């Protein structure tokens, strides 16, 4: 709701069930933010100005409270896994950084 998206799928348990989910799912923007934070930590020493590009594909929903583990490769690739379910939630990720 803070980003202006009032889709009840992210807040209303009944709406989530009607959409086929057992409970509300995390907004993709939130998942994106968690993964971006992991990249900033792993490859940019928390210097956001160094992160030039970040691309990804959402492949599975994340439920609030689940752990997102981002796996990063030196090649500039990454993916993110929901630890509790061993599901890839973000795949085909790529990033580029400005060396600093």
Protein backbone atom coordinates (compact mmCIF):
# COMPACT_ATOMS: atom_id res chain seq x y z
CA UNK A 1 0.00 0.00 0.00
CA UNK A 2 2.93 2.34 0.58
CA UNK A 3 3.82 2.18 -3.11
CA UNK A 4 0.26 2.91 -4.22
CA UNK A 5 -0.66 -0.67 -5.11
CA UNK A 6 -3.94 -1.55 -3.41
CA UNK A 7 -4.23 -5.05 -4.87
CA UNK A 8 -5.88 -7.09 -2.09
CA UNK A 9 -3.77 -10.12 -3.06
CA UNK A 10 -1.03 -8.65 -0.86
CA UNK A 11 -3.17 -7.89 2.20
CA UNK A 12 -6.50 -9.75 2.21
CA UNK A 13 -6.44 -13.51 3.03
CA UNK A 14 -9.78 -14.10 1.26
CA UNK A 15 -8.57 -12.39 -1.92
CA UNK A 16 -5.35 -14.39 -1.82
CA UNK A 17 -7.30 -17.66 -1.50
CA UNK A 18 -9.53 -16.69 -4.43
CA UNK A 19 -6.35 -16.16 -6.47
CA UNK A 20 -5.08 -19.62 -5.52
CA UNK A 21 -2.66 -18.72 -2.73
CA UNK A 22 -2.96 -20.01 0.85
CA UNK A 23 -2.40 -16.49 2.23
CA UNK A 24 -1.34 -13.03 0.98
CA UNK A 25 1.89 -12.95 -0.99
CA UNK A 26 4.73 -10.47 -0.79
CA UNK A 27 4.65 -7.70 -3.37
CA UNK A 28 7.17 -8.14 -6.18
CA UNK A 29 8.58 -4.70 -5.42
CA UNK A 30 9.46 -5.90 -1.92
CA UNK A 31 11.13 -9.05 -3.27
CA UNK A 32 13.03 -6.85 -5.72
CA UNK A 33 14.18 -4.62 -2.84
CA UNK A 34 15.43 -7.56 -0.76
CA UNK A 35 17.41 -8.90 -3.72
CA UNK A 36 18.77 -5.45 -4.55
CA UNK A 37 19.94 -5.07 -0.95
CA UNK A 38 21.76 -8.40 -1.21
CA UNK A 39 23.54 -7.24 -4.38
CA UNK A 40 24.49 -3.91 -2.82
CA UNK A 41 25.98 -5.78 0.12
CA UNK A 42 27.73 -8.50 -1.88
CA UNK A 43 29.19 -6.56 -4.79
CA UNK A 44 28.93 -2.82 -4.10
CA UNK A 45 30.01 -2.47 -0.46
CA UNK A 46 26.64 -0.73 0.08
CA UNK A 47 27.49 2.02 -2.42
CA UNK A 48 24.25 2.28 -4.41
CA UNK A 49 25.89 4.54 -7.00
CA UNK A 50 28.01 1.55 -8.12
CA UNK A 51 25.01 -0.61 -9.10
CA UNK A 52 24.59 0.28 -12.76
CA UNK A 53 21.92 -2.23 -13.87
CA UNK A 54 19.85 -4.99 -12.35
CA UNK A 55 17.51 -7.26 -14.30
CA UNK A 56 15.57 -10.27 -13.11
CA UNK A 57 12.63 -12.56 -13.71
CA UNK A 58 10.12 -13.40 -10.97
CA UNK A 59 9.47 -17.14 -11.05
CA UNK A 60 7.54 -17.90 -7.83
CA UNK A 61 5.69 -15.94 -5.17
CA UNK A 62 7.17 -15.19 -1.76
CA UNK A 63 5.05 -15.19 1.38
CA UNK A 64 5.73 -12.60 4.10
CA UNK A 65 8.01 -14.10 6.73
CA UNK A 66 9.89 -16.40 4.35
CA UNK A 67 13.65 -16.14 3.96
CA UNK A 68 15.00 -14.97 0.60
CA UNK A 69 18.56 -16.14 -0.06
CA UNK A 70 20.24 -14.42 -3.00
CA UNK A 71 22.93 -16.40 -4.81
CA UNK A 72 25.40 -14.17 -6.67
CA UNK A 73 28.08 -15.12 -9.19
CA UNK A 74 31.13 -13.11 -10.24
CA UNK A 75 29.92 -13.35 -13.82
CA UNK A 76 27.18 -10.84 -13.00
CA UNK A 77 24.41 -13.42 -12.63
CA UNK A 78 22.17 -14.03 -9.63
CA UNK A 79 19.03 -15.80 -8.48
CA UNK A 80 17.05 -15.83 -5.26
CA UNK A 81 15.65 -18.82 -3.42
CA UNK A 82 12.91 -19.10 -0.79
CA UNK A 83 14.79 -21.11 1.82
CA UNK A 84 11.79 -22.62 3.61
CA UNK A 85 10.35 -24.14 0.43
CA UNK A 86 13.57 -24.50 -1.61
CA UNK A 87 11.90 -22.65 -4.49
CA UNK A 88 13.59 -20.25 -6.91
CA UNK A 89 11.60 -17.01 -6.61
CA UNK A 90 13.89 -14.89 -8.83
CA UNK A 91 15.85 -16.34 -11.74
CA UNK A 92 17.82 -15.18 -14.77
CA UNK A 93 19.11 -12.21 -12.81
CA UNK A 94 21.94 -10.08 -14.13
CA UNK A 95 23.69 -7.02 -12.83
CA UNK A 96 26.51 -4.67 -13.74
CA UNK A 97 28.54 -2.54 -11.39
CA UNK A 98 30.80 0.45 -11.79
CA UNK A 99 34.18 -0.45 -10.36
CA UNK A 100 35.09 1.80 -7.50
